[in-house]
Amino acid sequence: KIASAPILAIAMSFAVLAGGLTVS
């Protein structure tokens, strides 16, 4: 399952699945 989460307020971003964050 993919769950949404942390969003960084900076230029880089990332993705965390299963209980974390989702960001392009």
mmCIF file of all heavy atoms, coordinates in Angstrom:
data_MODEL
# 
_entry.id   MODEL 
# 
loop_
_atom_site.group_PDB 
_atom_site.id 
_atom_site.type_symbol 
_atom_site.label_atom_id 
_atom_site.label_alt_id 
_atom_site.label_comp_id 
_atom_site.label_asym_id 
_atom_site.label_entity_id 
_atom_site.label_seq_id 
_atom_site.pdbx_PDB_ins_code 
_atom_site.Cartn_x 
_atom_site.Cartn_y 
_atom_site.Cartn_z 
_atom_site.occupancy 
_atom_site.B_iso_or_equiv 
_atom_site.pdbx_formal_charge 
_atom_site.auth_seq_id 
_atom_site.auth_comp_id 
_atom_site.auth_asym_id 
_atom_site.auth_atom_id 
_atom_site.pdbx_PDB_model_num 
ATOM 1   N N   . LYS A 1 1  ? 0.832  -1.193 0.000  1.00 0.00 ? 1  LYS A N   1 
ATOM 2   C CA  . LYS A 1 1  ? 0.000  0.000  0.000  1.00 0.00 ? 1  LYS A CA  1 
ATOM 3   C C   . LYS A 1 1  ? 0.865  1.240  0.000  1.00 0.00 ? 1  LYS A C   1 
ATOM 4   O O   . LYS A 1 1  ? 1.852  1.306  0.690  1.00 0.00 ? 1  LYS A O   1 
ATOM 5   C CB  . LYS A 1 1  ? -0.849 -0.001 1.265  1.00 0.00 ? 1  LYS A CB  1 
ATOM 6   C CG  . LYS A 1 1  ? -2.304 -0.017 0.980  1.00 0.00 ? 1  LYS A CG  1 
ATOM 7   C CD  . LYS A 1 1  ? -3.011 -0.025 2.290  1.00 0.00 ? 1  LYS A CD  1 
ATOM 8   C CE  . LYS A 1 1  ? -4.445 0.335  2.108  1.00 0.00 ? 1  LYS A CE  1 
ATOM 9   N NZ  . LYS A 1 1  ? -5.112 0.353  3.373  1.00 0.00 ? 1  LYS A NZ  1 
ATOM 10  N N   . ILE A 1 2  ? 0.487  2.224  -0.753 1.00 0.00 ? 2  ILE A N   1 
ATOM 11  C CA  . ILE A 1 2  ? 1.242  3.466  -0.776 1.00 0.00 ? 2  ILE A CA  1 
ATOM 12  C C   . ILE A 1 2  ? 0.492  4.512  0.025  1.00 0.00 ? 2  ILE A C   1 
ATOM 13  O O   . ILE A 1 2  ? -0.671 4.735  -0.184 1.00 0.00 ? 2  ILE A O   1 
ATOM 14  C CB  . ILE A 1 2  ? 1.461  3.953  -2.218 1.00 0.00 ? 2  ILE A CB  1 
ATOM 15  C CG1 . ILE A 1 2  ? 2.308  2.931  -2.990 1.00 0.00 ? 2  ILE A CG1 1 
ATOM 16  C CG2 . ILE A 1 2  ? 2.130  5.305  -2.238 1.00 0.00 ? 2  ILE A CG2 1 
ATOM 17  C CD1 . ILE A 1 2  ? 2.559  3.319  -4.408 1.00 0.00 ? 2  ILE A CD1 1 
ATOM 18  N N   . ALA A 1 3  ? 1.201  5.119  0.956  1.00 0.00 ? 3  ALA A N   1 
ATOM 19  C CA  . ALA A 1 3  ? 0.567  6.136  1.801  1.00 0.00 ? 3  ALA A CA  1 
ATOM 20  C C   . ALA A 1 3  ? 1.278  7.459  1.586  1.00 0.00 ? 3  ALA A C   1 
ATOM 21  O O   . ALA A 1 3  ? 2.474  7.514  1.349  1.00 0.00 ? 3  ALA A O   1 
ATOM 22  C CB  . ALA A 1 3  ? 0.636  5.726  3.267  1.00 0.00 ? 3  ALA A CB  1 
ATOM 23  N N   . SER A 1 4  ? 0.530  8.535  1.714  1.00 0.00 ? 4  SER A N   1 
ATOM 24  C CA  . SER A 1 4  ? 1.162  9.838  1.546  1.00 0.00 ? 4  SER A CA  1 
ATOM 25  C C   . SER A 1 4  ? 1.796  10.277 2.832  1.00 0.00 ? 4  SER A C   1 
ATOM 26  O O   . SER A 1 4  ? 1.484  9.809  3.883  1.00 0.00 ? 4  SER A O   1 
ATOM 27  C CB  . SER A 1 4  ? 0.116  10.866 1.116  1.00 0.00 ? 4  SER A CB  1 
ATOM 28  O OG  . SER A 1 4  ? -0.846 11.006 2.111  1.00 0.00 ? 4  SER A OG  1 
ATOM 29  N N   . ALA A 1 5  ? 2.791  11.241 2.731  1.00 0.00 ? 5  ALA A N   1 
ATOM 30  C CA  . ALA A 1 5  ? 3.367  11.813 3.914  1.00 0.00 ? 5  ALA A CA  1 
ATOM 31  C C   . ALA A 1 5  ? 4.304  12.953 3.664  1.00 0.00 ? 5  ALA A C   1 
ATOM 32  O O   . ALA A 1 5  ? 4.046  13.773 2.842  1.00 0.00 ? 5  ALA A O   1 
ATOM 33  C CB  . ALA A 1 5  ? 4.002  10.731 4.735  1.00 0.00 ? 5  ALA A CB  1 
ATOM 34  N N   . PRO A 1 6  ? 5.506  13.042 4.383  1.00 0.00 ? 6  PRO A N   1 
ATOM 35  C CA  . PRO A 1 6  ? 6.274  14.235 4.503  1.00 0.00 ? 6  PRO A CA  1 
ATOM 36  C C   . PRO A 1 6  ? 6.509  15.022 3.241  1.00 0.00 ? 6  PRO A C   1 
ATOM 37  O O   . PRO A 1 6  ? 6.849  14.496 2.233  1.00 0.00 ? 6  PRO A O   1 
ATOM 38  C CB  . PRO A 1 6  ? 7.600  13.765 5.055  1.00 0.00 ? 6  PRO A CB  1 
ATOM 39  C CG  . PRO A 1 6  ? 7.251  12.514 5.727  1.00 0.00 ? 6  PRO A CG  1 
ATOM 40  C CD  . PRO A 1 6  ? 6.100  11.944 4.975  1.00 0.00 ? 6  PRO A CD  1 
ATOM 41  N N   . ILE A 1 7  ? 6.433  16.330 3.399  1.00 0.00 ? 7  ILE A N   1 
ATOM 42  C CA  . ILE A 1 7  ? 6.696  17.211 2.279  1.00 0.00 ? 7  ILE A CA  1 
ATOM 43  C C   . ILE A 1 7  ? 7.779  18.204 2.688  1.00 0.00 ? 7  ILE A C   1 
ATOM 44  O O   . ILE A 1 7  ? 7.626  18.912 3.658  1.00 0.00 ? 7  ILE A O   1 
ATOM 45  C CB  . ILE A 1 7  ? 5.427  17.944 1.855  1.00 0.00 ? 7  ILE A CB  1 
ATOM 46  C CG1 . ILE A 1 7  ? 4.403  16.928 1.437  1.00 0.00 ? 7  ILE A CG1 1 
ATOM 47  C CG2 . ILE A 1 7  ? 5.728  18.925 0.749  1.00 0.00 ? 7  ILE A CG2 1 
ATOM 48  C CD1 . ILE A 1 7  ? 3.086  17.532 1.081  1.00 0.00 ? 7  ILE A CD1 1 
ATOM 49  N N   . LEU A 1 8  ? 8.880  18.247 1.975  1.00 0.00 ? 8  LEU A N   1 
ATOM 50  C CA  . LEU A 1 8  ? 9.960  19.188 2.281  1.00 0.00 ? 8  LEU A CA  1 
ATOM 51  C C   . LEU A 1 8  ? 9.683  20.530 1.623  1.00 0.00 ? 8  LEU A C   1 
ATOM 52  O O   . LEU A 1 8  ? 9.363  20.584 0.447  1.00 0.00 ? 8  LEU A O   1 
ATOM 53  C CB  . LEU A 1 8  ? 11.289 18.660 1.730  1.00 0.00 ? 8  LEU A CB  1 
ATOM 54  C CG  . LEU A 1 8  ? 12.026 17.641 2.585  1.00 0.00 ? 8  LEU A CG  1 
ATOM 55  C CD1 . LEU A 1 8  ? 13.245 17.174 1.837  1.00 0.00 ? 8  LEU A CD1 1 
ATOM 56  C CD2 . LEU A 1 8  ? 12.423 18.236 3.906  1.00 0.00 ? 8  LEU A CD2 1 
ATOM 57  N N   . ALA A 1 9  ? 9.861  21.609 2.372  1.00 0.00 ? 9  ALA A N   1 
ATOM 58  C CA  . ALA A 1 9  ? 9.667  22.949 1.823  1.00 0.00 ? 9  ALA A CA  1 
ATOM 59  C C   . ALA A 1 9  ? 10.978 23.474 1.268  1.00 0.00 ? 9  ALA A C   1 
ATOM 60  O O   . ALA A 1 9  ? 11.427 24.560 1.592  1.00 0.00 ? 9  ALA A O   1 
ATOM 61  C CB  . ALA A 1 9  ? 9.140  23.887 2.896  1.00 0.00 ? 9  ALA A CB  1 
ATOM 62  N N   . ILE A 1 10 ? 11.636 22.638 0.413  1.00 0.00 ? 10 ILE A N   1 
ATOM 63  C CA  . ILE A 1 10 ? 12.884 23.034 -0.227 1.00 0.00 ? 10 ILE A CA  1 
ATOM 64  C C   . ILE A 1 10 ? 12.890 22.487 -1.631 1.00 0.00 ? 10 ILE A C   1 
ATOM 65  O O   . ILE A 1 10 ? 11.973 21.792 -2.043 1.00 0.00 ? 10 ILE A O   1 
ATOM 66  C CB  . ILE A 1 10 ? 14.101 22.483 0.564  1.00 0.00 ? 10 ILE A CB  1 
ATOM 67  C CG1 . ILE A 1 10 ? 13.917 20.975 0.806  1.00 0.00 ? 10 ILE A CG1 1 
ATOM 68  C CG2 . ILE A 1 10 ? 14.260 23.178 1.878  1.00 0.00 ? 10 ILE A CG2 1 
ATOM 69  C CD1 . ILE A 1 10 ? 15.075 20.358 1.545  1.00 0.00 ? 10 ILE A CD1 1 
ATOM 70  N N   . ALA A 1 11 ? 13.963 22.790 -2.398 1.00 0.00 ? 11 ALA A N   1 
ATOM 71  C CA  . ALA A 1 11 ? 13.964 22.429 -3.807 1.00 0.00 ? 11 ALA A CA  1 
ATOM 72  C C   . ALA A 1 11 ? 13.950 20.935 -4.033 1.00 0.00 ? 11 ALA A C   1 
ATOM 73  O O   . ALA A 1 11 ? 13.287 20.435 -4.921 1.00 0.00 ? 11 ALA A O   1 
ATOM 74  C CB  . ALA A 1 11 ? 15.189 23.031 -4.494 1.00 0.00 ? 11 ALA A CB  1 
ATOM 75  N N   . MET A 1 12 ? 14.703 20.151 -3.228 1.00 0.00 ? 12 MET A N   1 
ATOM 76  C CA  . MET A 1 12 ? 14.695 18.711 -3.424 1.00 0.00 ? 12 MET A CA  1 
ATOM 77  C C   . MET A 1 12 ? 13.441 18.120 -2.823 1.00 0.00 ? 12 MET A C   1 
ATOM 78  O O   . MET A 1 12 ? 12.788 18.719 -1.998 1.00 0.00 ? 12 MET A O   1 
ATOM 79  C CB  . MET A 1 12 ? 15.936 18.076 -2.776 1.00 0.00 ? 12 MET A CB  1 
ATOM 80  C CG  . MET A 1 12 ? 15.914 18.097 -1.253 1.00 0.00 ? 12 MET A CG  1 
ATOM 81  S SD  . MET A 1 12 ? 17.155 17.044 -0.517 1.00 0.00 ? 12 MET A SD  1 
ATOM 82  C CE  . MET A 1 12 ? 16.466 15.438 -0.817 1.00 0.00 ? 12 MET A CE  1 
ATOM 83  N N   . SER A 1 13 ? 13.070 16.929 -3.279 1.00 0.00 ? 13 SER A N   1 
ATOM 84  C CA  . SER A 1 13 ? 11.939 16.216 -2.708 1.00 0.00 ? 13 SER A CA  1 
ATOM 85  C C   . SER A 1 13 ? 12.168 14.747 -2.882 1.00 0.00 ? 13 SER A C   1 
ATOM 86  O O   . SER A 1 13 ? 13.126 14.318 -3.486 1.00 0.00 ? 13 SER A O   1 
ATOM 87  C CB  . SER A 1 13 ? 10.630 16.644 -3.350 1.00 0.00 ? 13 SER A CB  1 
ATOM 88  O OG  . SER A 1 13 ? 10.706 16.541 -4.733 1.00 0.00 ? 13 SER A OG  1 
ATOM 89  N N   . PHE A 1 14 ? 11.270 13.912 -2.304 1.00 0.00 ? 14 PHE A N   1 
ATOM 90  C CA  . PHE A 1 14 ? 11.499 12.489 -2.246 1.00 0.00 ? 14 PHE A CA  1 
ATOM 91  C C   . PHE A 1 14 ? 10.186 11.777 -2.053 1.00 0.00 ? 14 PHE A C   1 
ATOM 92  O O   . PHE A 1 14 ? 9.152  12.384 -1.921 1.00 0.00 ? 14 PHE A O   1 
ATOM 93  C CB  . PHE A 1 14 ? 12.456 12.154 -1.090 1.00 0.00 ? 14 PHE A CB  1 
ATOM 94  C CG  . PHE A 1 14 ? 12.093 12.888 0.147  1.00 0.00 ? 14 PHE A CG  1 
ATOM 95  C CD1 . PHE A 1 14 ? 11.183 12.373 1.021  1.00 0.00 ? 14 PHE A CD1 1 
ATOM 96  C CD2 . PHE A 1 14 ? 12.633 14.140 0.407  1.00 0.00 ? 14 PHE A CD2 1 
ATOM 97  C CE1 . PHE A 1 14 ? 10.825 13.075 2.147  1.00 0.00 ? 14 PHE A CE1 1 
ATOM 98  C CE2 . PHE A 1 14 ? 12.263 14.830 1.533  1.00 0.00 ? 14 PHE A CE2 1 
ATOM 99  C CZ  . PHE A 1 14 ? 11.367 14.303 2.402  1.00 0.00 ? 14 PHE A CZ  1 
ATOM 100 N N   . ALA A 1 15 ? 10.230 10.428 -1.980 1.00 0.00 ? 15 ALA A N   1 
ATOM 101 C CA  . ALA A 1 15 ? 9.002  9.653  -1.807 1.00 0.00 ? 15 ALA A CA  1 
ATOM 102 C C   . ALA A 1 15 ? 9.213  8.607  -0.747 1.00 0.00 ? 15 ALA A C   1 
ATOM 103 O O   . ALA A 1 15 ? 10.221 7.944  -0.718 1.00 0.00 ? 15 ALA A O   1 
ATOM 104 C CB  . ALA A 1 15 ? 8.609  8.978  -3.116 1.00 0.00 ? 15 ALA A CB  1 
ATOM 105 N N   . VAL A 1 16 ? 8.260  8.456  0.151  1.00 0.00 ? 16 VAL A N   1 
ATOM 106 C CA  . VAL A 1 16 ? 8.283  7.406  1.148  1.00 0.00 ? 16 VAL A CA  1 
ATOM 107 C C   . VAL A 1 16 ? 6.973  6.671  1.066  1.00 0.00 ? 16 VAL A C   1 
ATOM 108 O O   . VAL A 1 16 ? 5.926  7.288  1.038  1.00 0.00 ? 16 VAL A O   1 
ATOM 109 C CB  . VAL A 1 16 ? 8.462  7.973  2.560  1.00 0.00 ? 16 VAL A CB  1 
ATOM 110 C CG1 . VAL A 1 16 ? 8.286  6.885  3.581  1.00 0.00 ? 16 VAL A CG1 1 
ATOM 111 C CG2 . VAL A 1 16 ? 9.826  8.601  2.715  1.00 0.00 ? 16 VAL A CG2 1 
ATOM 112 N N   . LEU A 1 17 ? 7.026  5.350  1.036  1.00 0.00 ? 17 LEU A N   1 
ATOM 113 C CA  . LEU A 1 17 ? 5.827  4.549  0.916  1.00 0.00 ? 17 LEU A CA  1 
ATOM 114 C C   . LEU A 1 17 ? 5.552  3.825  2.214  1.00 0.00 ? 17 LEU A C   1 
ATOM 115 O O   . LEU A 1 17 ? 6.416  3.666  3.048  1.00 0.00 ? 17 LEU A O   1 
ATOM 116 C CB  . LEU A 1 17 ? 5.979  3.522  -0.216 1.00 0.00 ? 17 LEU A CB  1 
ATOM 117 C CG  . LEU A 1 17 ? 6.178  4.104  -1.620 1.00 0.00 ? 17 LEU A CG  1 
ATOM 118 C CD1 . LEU A 1 17 ? 7.649  4.370  -1.873 1.00 0.00 ? 17 LEU A CD1 1 
ATOM 119 C CD2 . LEU A 1 17 ? 5.659  3.154  -2.660 1.00 0.00 ? 17 LEU A CD2 1 
ATOM 120 N N   . ALA A 1 18 ? 4.332  3.319  2.334  1.00 0.00 ? 18 ALA A N   1 
ATOM 121 C CA  . ALA A 1 18 ? 3.930  2.512  3.479  1.00 0.00 ? 18 ALA A CA  1 
ATOM 122 C C   . ALA A 1 18 ? 4.104  3.259  4.786  1.00 0.00 ? 18 ALA A C   1 
ATOM 123 O O   . ALA A 1 18 ? 4.838  2.851  5.663  1.00 0.00 ? 18 ALA A O   1 
ATOM 124 C CB  . ALA A 1 18 ? 4.711  1.210  3.519  1.00 0.00 ? 18 ALA A CB  1 
ATOM 125 N N   . GLY A 1 19 ? 3.424  4.342  4.929  1.00 0.00 ? 19 GLY A N   1 
ATOM 126 C CA  . GLY A 1 19 ? 3.398  5.032  6.206  1.00 0.00 ? 19 GLY A CA  1 
ATOM 127 C C   . GLY A 1 19 ? 4.310  6.224  6.282  1.00 0.00 ? 19 GLY A C   1 
ATOM 128 O O   . GLY A 1 19 ? 4.574  6.738  7.345  1.00 0.00 ? 19 GLY A O   1 
ATOM 129 N N   . GLY A 1 20 ? 4.854  6.700  5.186  1.00 0.00 ? 20 GLY A N   1 
ATOM 130 C CA  . GLY A 1 20 ? 5.741  7.839  5.231  1.00 0.00 ? 20 GLY A CA  1 
ATOM 131 C C   . GLY A 1 20 ? 5.259  8.944  4.336  1.00 0.00 ? 20 GLY A C   1 
ATOM 132 O O   . GLY A 1 20 ? 4.101  9.261  4.308  1.00 0.00 ? 20 GLY A O   1 
ATOM 133 N N   . LEU A 1 21 ? 6.163  9.508  3.547  1.00 0.00 ? 21 LEU A N   1 
ATOM 134 C CA  . LEU A 1 21 ? 5.775  10.656 2.760  1.00 0.00 ? 21 LEU A CA  1 
ATOM 135 C C   . LEU A 1 21 ? 5.807  10.371 1.277  1.00 0.00 ? 21 LEU A C   1 
ATOM 136 O O   . LEU A 1 21 ? 6.461  9.473  0.819  1.00 0.00 ? 21 LEU A O   1 
ATOM 137 C CB  . LEU A 1 21 ? 6.703  11.818 3.045  1.00 0.00 ? 21 LEU A CB  1 
ATOM 138 C CG  . LEU A 1 21 ? 8.171  11.520 2.833  1.00 0.00 ? 21 LEU A CG  1 
ATOM 139 C CD1 . LEU A 1 21 ? 8.684  12.388 1.710  1.00 0.00 ? 21 LEU A CD1 1 
ATOM 140 C CD2 . LEU A 1 21 ? 8.939  11.796 4.080  1.00 0.00 ? 21 LEU A CD2 1 
ATOM 141 N N   . THR A 1 22 ? 5.135  11.213 0.544  1.00 0.00 ? 22 THR A N   1 
ATOM 142 C CA  . THR A 1 22 ? 5.157  11.092 -0.904 1.00 0.00 ? 22 THR A CA  1 
ATOM 143 C C   . THR A 1 22 ? 5.386  12.456 -1.516 1.00 0.00 ? 22 THR A C   1 
ATOM 144 O O   . THR A 1 22 ? 4.621  13.360 -1.283 1.00 0.00 ? 22 THR A O   1 
ATOM 145 C CB  . THR A 1 22 ? 3.827  10.538 -1.426 1.00 0.00 ? 22 THR A CB  1 
ATOM 146 O OG1 . THR A 1 22 ? 3.610  9.273  -0.847 1.00 0.00 ? 22 THR A OG1 1 
ATOM 147 C CG2 . THR A 1 22 ? 3.851  10.401 -2.931 1.00 0.00 ? 22 THR A CG2 1 
ATOM 148 N N   . VAL A 1 23 ? 6.464  12.585 -2.269 1.00 0.00 ? 23 VAL A N   1 
ATOM 149 C CA  . VAL A 1 23 ? 6.767  13.839 -2.927 1.00 0.00 ? 23 VAL A CA  1 
ATOM 150 C C   . VAL A 1 23 ? 7.495  13.519 -4.220 1.00 0.00 ? 23 VAL A C   1 
ATOM 151 O O   . VAL A 1 23 ? 8.266  12.587 -4.274 1.00 0.00 ? 23 VAL A O   1 
ATOM 152 C CB  . VAL A 1 23 ? 7.690  14.714 -2.046 1.00 0.00 ? 23 VAL A CB  1 
ATOM 153 C CG1 . VAL A 1 23 ? 7.896  16.069 -2.675 1.00 0.00 ? 23 VAL A CG1 1 
ATOM 154 C CG2 . VAL A 1 23 ? 7.106  14.866 -0.666 1.00 0.00 ? 23 VAL A CG2 1 
ATOM 155 N N   . SER A 1 24 ? 7.251  14.292 -5.284 1.00 0.00 ? 24 SER A N   1 
ATOM 156 C CA  . SER A 1 24 ? 8.012  14.096 -6.514 1.00 0.00 ? 24 SER A CA  1 
ATOM 157 C C   . SER A 1 24 ? 9.417  14.616 -6.304 1.00 0.00 ? 24 SER A C   1 
ATOM 158 O O   . SER A 1 24 ? 9.621  15.579 -5.576 1.00 0.00 ? 24 SER A O   1 
ATOM 159 C CB  . SER A 1 24 ? 7.350  14.849 -7.661 1.00 0.00 ? 24 SER A CB  1 
ATOM 160 O OG  . SER A 1 24 ? 7.328  16.231 -7.391 1.00 0.00 ? 24 SER A OG  1 
# 
